[in-house]
Protein backbone atom coordinates (compact mmCIF):
# COMPACT_ATOMS: atom_id res chain seq x y z
CA MET A 1 84.75 46.16 21.19
CA LYS A 2 83.65 42.58 21.67
CA THR A 3 79.80 41.92 21.96
CA VAL A 4 78.69 41.35 25.87
CA LYS A 5 77.06 38.04 26.12
CA VAL A 6 74.13 38.44 28.77
CA LEU A 7 71.83 36.09 30.67
CA VAL A 8 68.85 37.56 32.07
CA VAL A 9 67.46 35.48 35.55
CA ASP A 10 64.04 36.42 36.59
CA ASP A 11 60.86 34.65 37.53
CA SER A 12 58.61 37.15 35.54
CA ALA A 13 58.21 36.05 31.91
CA PHE A 14 57.26 39.67 31.27
CA MET A 15 60.40 41.12 32.77
CA ARG A 16 62.42 38.45 31.22
CA LYS A 17 61.05 39.85 28.02
CA LEU A 18 61.25 43.45 28.50
CA ILE A 19 64.54 43.08 29.76
CA GLY A 20 65.82 41.45 26.93
CA ASP A 21 64.18 43.40 24.40
CA PHE A 22 66.06 46.44 26.18
CA LEU A 23 69.34 44.88 25.96
CA SER A 24 68.86 43.62 22.35
CA GLU A 25 68.36 47.20 21.02
CA ASP A 26 72.10 48.10 22.32
CA ASP A 27 74.63 46.76 19.70
CA ARG A 28 77.19 46.19 22.34
CA ILE A 29 75.15 43.42 23.89
CA GLN A 30 73.54 39.97 22.84
CA VAL A 31 71.23 38.32 25.14
CA VAL A 32 72.37 34.75 24.87
CA GLY A 33 69.50 33.13 27.22
CA THR A 34 67.05 33.71 30.08
CA ALA A 35 65.99 31.82 33.13
CA ARG A 36 63.05 31.53 35.50
CA ASN A 37 65.05 30.84 38.74
CA GLY A 38 68.27 30.56 40.43
CA GLU A 39 68.50 27.14 39.93
CA GLU A 40 68.12 27.20 36.09
CA GLY A 41 70.28 30.25 36.17
CA LEU A 42 73.09 28.20 37.37
CA ARG A 43 72.48 25.49 34.51
CA LYS A 44 72.43 28.17 31.89
CA ILE A 45 75.58 29.94 33.17
CA LYS A 46 77.67 26.70 32.63
CA GLU A 47 75.87 25.98 29.24
CA LEU A 48 76.31 29.45 28.02
CA ASN A 49 79.06 31.12 29.67
CA PRO A 50 77.59 34.64 29.55
CA ASP A 51 79.74 37.85 30.28
CA VAL A 52 77.32 39.35 32.42
CA VAL A 53 74.19 37.85 34.23
CA THR A 54 71.10 39.98 35.48
CA MET A 55 69.61 38.51 38.30
CA ASP A 56 66.15 39.27 40.28
CA VAL A 57 66.37 38.77 44.12
CA GLU A 58 62.88 37.19 44.88
CA MET A 59 62.59 33.91 42.91
CA PRO A 60 61.25 30.47 43.69
CA VAL A 61 63.18 27.11 43.88
CA LEU A 62 66.52 29.13 44.28
CA ASN A 63 66.36 32.86 44.85
CA GLY A 64 68.81 35.29 43.66
CA LEU A 65 70.98 35.69 46.91
CA GLU A 66 71.51 31.94 47.18
CA ALA A 67 72.44 31.75 43.49
CA LEU A 68 74.81 34.54 43.48
CA LYS A 69 76.71 32.77 46.53
CA ILE A 70 77.00 29.92 44.57
CA ILE A 71 78.04 31.56 41.22
CA MET A 72 80.83 33.52 43.16
CA LYS A 73 82.23 30.27 44.71
CA THR A 74 82.06 28.04 42.12
CA MET A 75 82.05 29.86 38.44
CA PRO A 76 82.64 33.73 39.09
CA VAL A 77 80.78 36.07 36.57
CA PRO A 78 79.92 39.57 36.89
CA VAL A 79 76.26 39.75 38.25
CA VAL A 80 74.14 42.73 38.01
CA MET A 81 70.93 42.44 40.80
CA LEU A 82 67.51 43.96 39.87
CA SER A 83 66.46 45.41 43.41
CA SER A 84 63.13 46.68 44.88
CA THR A 85 63.36 50.41 46.49
CA THR A 86 61.70 48.87 49.64
CA LYS A 87 63.56 48.78 53.03
CA GLU A 88 63.93 44.87 52.59
CA GLY A 89 64.84 45.24 49.00
CA ALA A 90 67.68 47.62 50.02
CA GLU A 91 68.95 45.20 52.63
CA ASN A 92 68.70 42.44 50.16
CA THR A 93 71.04 44.60 47.70
CA PHE A 94 73.79 45.14 50.18
CA THR A 95 73.65 41.60 51.14
CA ALA A 96 74.26 40.76 47.29
CA MET A 97 77.00 43.36 47.36
CA GLU A 98 78.49 41.64 49.95
CA TYR A 99 78.37 38.24 48.20
CA GLY A 100 79.92 39.66 45.40
CA ALA A 101 77.57 41.44 42.89
CA VAL A 102 79.16 43.98 40.79
CA ASP A 103 76.31 46.42 40.83
CA PHE A 104 72.48 46.77 41.02
CA ILE A 105 69.46 48.55 39.11
CA ALA A 106 66.73 49.85 41.05
CA LYS A 107 63.43 48.72 39.78
CA PRO A 108 61.05 51.79 39.40
CA SER A 109 58.00 51.60 41.57
CA GLY A 110 55.31 53.04 39.45
CA PRO A 111 53.72 51.43 36.50
CA ILE A 112 56.22 48.88 35.54
CA SER A 113 56.04 48.75 31.85
CA LEU A 114 56.22 52.62 31.42
CA ASP A 115 58.84 53.21 34.29
CA LEU A 116 61.21 50.71 33.22
CA HIS A 117 62.15 52.76 29.99
CA LYS A 118 63.57 55.24 32.43
CA ILE A 119 66.25 52.76 33.55
CA LYS A 120 66.87 51.24 29.94
CA THR A 121 70.28 53.61 29.56
CA GLU A 122 71.32 52.93 33.10
CA LEU A 123 70.78 49.09 32.75
CA THR A 124 72.77 48.87 29.48
CA GLU A 125 75.45 50.98 30.88
CA LYS A 126 75.95 49.15 34.03
CA ILE A 127 75.99 45.69 32.26
CA VAL A 128 78.78 46.90 29.59
CA GLN A 129 80.78 48.30 32.65
CA ALA A 130 80.15 45.03 34.69
CA SER A 131 81.72 43.01 31.60
CA ASN A 132 84.91 44.75 32.66
CA ALA A 133 84.74 44.47 36.18
CA ASN A 134 87.62 43.26 38.28
CA MET A 135 86.46 39.74 39.29
CA LYS A 136 89.47 39.03 41.39
CA GLY A 137 88.36 41.85 43.94
CA LEU A 138 84.90 40.61 43.78
CA VAL A 139 85.47 36.82 44.87
CA LYS A 140 87.20 38.08 48.18
CA PHE A 141 84.31 38.33 50.67
CA PRO A 142 85.20 41.59 52.58
CA ALA A 143 85.89 40.73 56.28
CA LYS A 144 82.87 41.72 58.46
CA GLY A 145 83.48 44.39 61.20
CA LYS A 146 82.76 43.81 65.06
CA LYS A 147 81.21 46.81 66.50
CA THR A 148 82.98 46.73 70.18
CA ALA A 149 80.17 48.31 71.80
CA VAL A 150 76.38 49.48 71.02
CA LEU A 151 76.24 53.18 71.94
CA GLN A 152 73.22 55.34 71.64
CA GLN A 153 74.87 57.99 69.45
CA LYS A 154 73.43 61.50 69.88
CA PHE A 155 73.71 63.51 66.79
CA SER A 156 73.38 67.16 66.78
CA LYS A 157 71.86 69.25 63.96
CA ILE A 158 70.97 72.90 63.09
CA GLU A 159 67.31 73.36 62.44
CA PRO A 160 66.52 75.16 59.29
CA CYS A 161 65.14 78.15 61.02
CA GLN A 162 68.66 78.26 63.02
CA PHE A 163 71.07 78.88 60.01
CA MET A 164 70.47 82.79 60.28
CA GLN A 165 71.56 82.72 64.09
CA ILE A 166 75.42 82.29 63.28
CA GLY A 167 77.12 81.44 66.57
CA ARG A 168 74.06 80.03 68.36
CA SER A 169 75.34 77.80 71.23
CA SER A 170 75.02 74.02 70.73
CA SER A 171 75.48 71.14 72.98
CA VAL A 172 77.68 69.67 70.27
CA SER A 173 80.34 71.74 68.55
CA SER A 174 82.86 70.87 65.75
CA SER A 175 85.20 74.07 66.71
CA ASN A 176 87.72 71.35 67.66
CA LEU A 177 88.12 69.71 64.11
CA ARG A 178 91.51 69.95 62.70
CA LYS A 179 91.20 67.37 60.08
CA LEU A 180 88.41 66.04 57.84
CA ILE A 181 88.36 62.89 55.87
CA CYS A 182 86.20 62.71 52.43
CA ILE A 183 85.47 59.74 50.46
CA GLY A 184 84.13 59.52 46.88
CA THR A 185 83.24 56.14 45.27
CA SER A 186 80.53 54.29 42.94
CA THR A 187 80.54 50.78 41.57
CA GLY A 188 81.71 48.35 44.10
CA GLY A 189 81.60 51.10 46.86
CA PRO A 190 79.71 49.40 49.28
CA ARG A 191 82.22 46.58 49.71
CA ALA A 192 85.06 49.11 49.76
CA LEU A 193 83.35 51.54 52.25
CA GLN A 194 82.72 48.53 54.41
CA LYS A 195 86.57 47.56 54.49
CA VAL A 196 87.74 50.99 55.05
CA LEU A 197 85.20 52.03 57.43
CA CYS A 198 85.82 48.93 59.52
CA ASP A 199 89.48 49.41 59.77
CA LEU A 200 88.92 52.81 61.33
CA PRO A 201 89.01 53.20 64.93
CA GLY A 202 85.69 54.35 66.67
CA ASN A 203 87.68 57.25 68.29
CA LEU A 204 88.88 58.69 65.06
CA ASN A 205 90.04 62.25 65.09
CA ALA A 206 87.96 63.43 62.28
CA PRO A 207 84.65 63.28 60.77
CA VAL A 208 84.34 61.40 57.31
CA LEU A 209 82.04 62.70 54.62
CA ILE A 210 81.10 59.95 51.83
CA VAL A 211 79.58 60.42 48.54
CA GLN A 212 78.48 56.91 47.25
CA HIS A 213 76.64 56.93 44.09
CA MET A 214 73.16 55.29 44.79
CA PRO A 215 69.71 56.16 44.26
CA ALA A 216 67.07 57.69 46.94
CA GLY A 217 66.28 54.75 49.13
CA PHE A 218 69.24 52.78 49.21
CA THR A 219 71.84 55.21 51.22
CA LYS A 220 69.84 54.95 54.55
CA SER A 221 70.04 51.00 54.45
CA LEU A 222 73.79 51.21 53.57
CA ALA A 223 74.42 53.74 56.47
CA SER A 224 72.55 51.56 58.94
CA ARG A 225 74.34 48.35 57.75
CA LEU A 226 77.89 50.29 58.12
CA ASN A 227 76.89 51.53 61.61
CA GLY A 228 76.21 47.87 62.57
CA LEU A 229 79.72 46.91 61.61
CA SER A 230 81.94 49.81 62.28
CA ASP A 231 83.19 51.14 65.50
CA LEU A 232 82.66 54.44 63.82
CA SER A 233 79.14 56.00 64.42
CA VAL A 234 77.69 56.17 60.49
CA LYS A 235 74.43 57.73 59.54
CA GLU A 236 72.71 59.05 56.37
CA ALA A 237 73.63 62.66 56.53
CA GLU A 238 70.75 65.18 57.08
CA ASP A 239 70.50 68.89 56.26
CA GLY A 240 72.08 70.76 59.37
CA ASP A 241 74.05 68.07 60.88
CA ILE A 242 77.03 69.42 62.83
CA LEU A 243 80.29 67.69 61.92
CA GLN A 244 81.62 65.56 64.93
CA ASN A 245 84.77 63.48 64.98
CA GLY A 246 84.36 59.57 64.83
CA THR A 247 80.93 59.83 62.81
CA ALA A 248 80.72 59.26 59.12
CA TYR A 249 77.89 60.78 57.16
CA ILE A 250 76.66 59.34 53.83
CA ALA A 251 75.13 61.73 51.31
CA PRO A 252 71.48 60.73 50.64
CA GLY A 253 70.72 59.47 47.31
CA GLY A 254 69.15 62.31 45.03
CA PHE A 255 70.90 65.13 47.04
CA HIS A 256 74.31 66.74 46.86
CA LEU A 257 76.22 66.91 50.14
CA THR A 258 78.27 69.93 50.97
CA ALA A 259 79.58 71.58 54.22
CA ALA A 260 80.32 75.08 55.33
CA ARG A 261 81.31 76.98 58.60
CA LEU A 262 78.46 78.32 60.46
CA GLY A 263 79.53 80.19 63.53
CA LYS A 264 81.88 77.70 65.12
CA ASP A 265 80.47 74.65 63.75
CA LEU A 266 80.99 72.96 60.50
CA VAL A 267 77.59 72.13 59.29
CA ILE A 268 76.20 69.90 56.58
CA HIS A 269 73.95 71.13 53.70
CA LEU A 270 71.71 69.09 51.35
CA ASP A 271 70.25 70.17 48.04
CA ASP A 272 68.67 68.89 45.04
CA SER A 273 70.16 71.17 42.39
CA PRO A 274 70.64 69.66 39.09
CA PRO A 275 72.96 66.42 38.70
CA ARG A 276 76.59 67.10 38.01
CA ASN A 277 77.93 65.08 34.99
CA GLY A 278 74.74 62.66 35.53
CA HIS A 279 75.57 62.16 39.37
CA ARG A 280 73.46 63.44 42.63
CA PRO A 281 75.00 63.48 45.00
CA SER A 282 78.34 64.18 43.23
CA VAL A 283 81.88 63.78 44.62
CA ASP A 284 82.86 66.97 42.64
CA VAL A 285 80.28 69.10 44.58
CA MET A 286 81.19 67.84 47.82
CA PHE A 287 85.13 68.35 47.25
CA GLU A 288 84.54 71.82 45.80
CA SER A 289 82.45 72.79 49.01
CA LEU A 290 85.21 71.45 51.40
CA GLY A 291 88.05 73.09 49.42
CA GLU A 292 86.13 76.50 50.56
CA ILE A 293 86.86 75.63 54.26
CA LYS A 294 90.06 76.99 55.69
CA GLY A 295 91.98 76.11 58.38
CA ILE A 296 91.32 72.24 58.29
CA GLN A 297 93.57 69.75 56.62
CA LYS A 298 91.45 67.29 53.89
CA ILE A 299 92.12 63.70 53.55
CA ALA A 300 90.58 62.82 50.34
CA VAL A 301 89.86 59.22 49.08
CA ILE A 302 88.81 58.16 45.74
CA MET A 303 87.67 54.40 45.51
CA THR A 304 86.33 52.05 43.03
CA GLY A 305 83.87 53.62 40.32
CA MET A 306 83.23 54.39 36.72
CA GLY A 307 83.92 57.67 35.25
CA ALA A 308 85.98 60.70 36.70
CA ASP A 309 83.58 61.99 39.31
CA GLY A 310 85.78 63.67 41.90
CA LYS A 311 89.06 64.47 39.63
CA ASN A 312 87.78 67.96 39.18
CA GLY A 313 86.75 68.73 42.68
CA LEU A 314 89.97 67.24 43.88
CA MET A 315 91.89 69.83 41.76
CA GLU A 316 89.98 72.43 43.20
CA MET A 317 90.65 71.44 46.79
CA LYS A 318 94.11 71.24 46.20
CA LYS A 319 94.42 74.77 45.05
CA ASN A 320 92.64 76.03 47.87
CA GLY A 321 94.56 74.43 50.95
CA GLU A 322 96.31 71.39 52.23
CA VAL A 323 94.82 68.27 50.96
CA LYS A 324 96.34 64.50 50.93
CA ALA A 325 94.64 62.46 48.36
CA ILE A 326 94.80 58.57 48.60
CA ALA A 327 93.43 56.48 45.41
CA GLU A 328 92.55 52.80 45.47
CA SER A 329 94.71 50.79 43.18
CA LYS A 330 93.86 49.06 39.86
CA GLU A 331 94.56 45.63 41.65
CA THR A 332 91.50 45.89 44.07
CA SER A 333 89.12 48.41 42.05
CA ILE A 334 86.12 46.58 40.81
CA VAL A 335 85.90 49.46 38.21
CA PHE A 336 89.21 51.51 38.10
CA GLY A 337 87.55 54.69 36.40
CA MET A 338 87.44 57.32 39.17
CA PRO A 339 90.96 56.13 40.91
CA ARG A 340 92.36 56.03 37.62
CA ALA A 341 91.31 59.66 36.59
CA VAL A 342 92.92 60.88 39.87
CA ILE A 343 96.15 58.90 39.52
CA GLU A 344 96.55 59.87 35.91
CA SER A 345 96.16 63.57 36.59
CA GLY A 346 98.71 63.35 39.10
CA LEU A 347 96.74 64.20 42.10
CA ALA A 348 97.21 61.14 44.05
CA ASP A 349 99.68 61.15 47.02
CA ASP A 350 99.50 57.77 47.83
CA VAL A 351 97.92 54.64 45.72
CA GLN A 352 96.88 51.59 47.90
CA ASN A 353 95.19 48.17 47.52
CA ILE A 354 91.84 48.59 49.49
CA GLU A 355 93.01 46.53 52.62
CA HIS A 356 95.49 49.35 53.23
CA ILE A 357 93.62 52.59 52.80
CA ALA A 358 92.52 52.74 56.26
CA GLU A 359 96.07 52.50 57.24
CA SER A 360 97.22 55.41 54.83
CA ILE A 361 94.17 57.66 55.95
CA LEU A 362 95.62 57.03 59.68
CA LYS A 363 99.12 58.01 58.40
CA PHE A 364 97.60 61.55 57.61
CA VAL A 365 95.36 61.92 60.37
């Protein structure tokens, strides 16, 4: 395997040294240079031709977002953002994804020199993974959706004290649900989700459950962003949510999302049980729980992402009932890991480029 050449762009000398030291400890990675701001970063990219760039957001002279825009338009190279877990930091992260960043690392909020060691493995793995990213998929900016009307959506949920009161009446019921869409994705997922959800109609005759591998603090901003772009109602899932047609529920970072019948309703349950193969939320966990729900057809979608999360869960779901599985193609997947695992296992009923996935979903709905 060839060595991955990395350029580190950060205005903090401490961070440049720390990140550089972390990466240099991995035999697969060579740090070829550092830069103090976006402008210097652009010069160094031309000069050093790195395979991957790590980029801070807040920097003087030229910030990370503006630098990223120029990089993707003039000299596309995989970029991994270092992001703050604040609300503003999360929003900047999704702007970066829209501009073409491959992935991001959430900066720890505690004592920086100690806590950064916790993300060392994640940082090195994401950089190696980014070096193999499909840049053709990244340079095509996703079309922005248009919300046709701003509606004050009332979501219904069952409070914890009601879980024992099976069959309790509710103003909103999911008893009329006949189909359910479930989506699993990881690296490159925010852009893929934006494209698919914006192509689905607001009156979709099914709820949508989504697992996007992402740390706590980011999924709420992702849901809010997609809610503003899509005609669907999009929210971060809460424990006790009653599934409703035309609504997409995104698993919160740090929690597994499952669903089960409760009286006449289908209700979301969140739990913080151990990660499955390193993931919480896990696509496998969600798929396995949905496989236990009888009498409802499932449409399972696996999109861009590293690894094979979703494959085993899909296998179980297919054993238990009627499931149609759609996998994103290699041509548009930023990282062709999760879809490849499903396709090579013979579990995919349809394989589509990202721009045709919503159309494929609607054929089954």
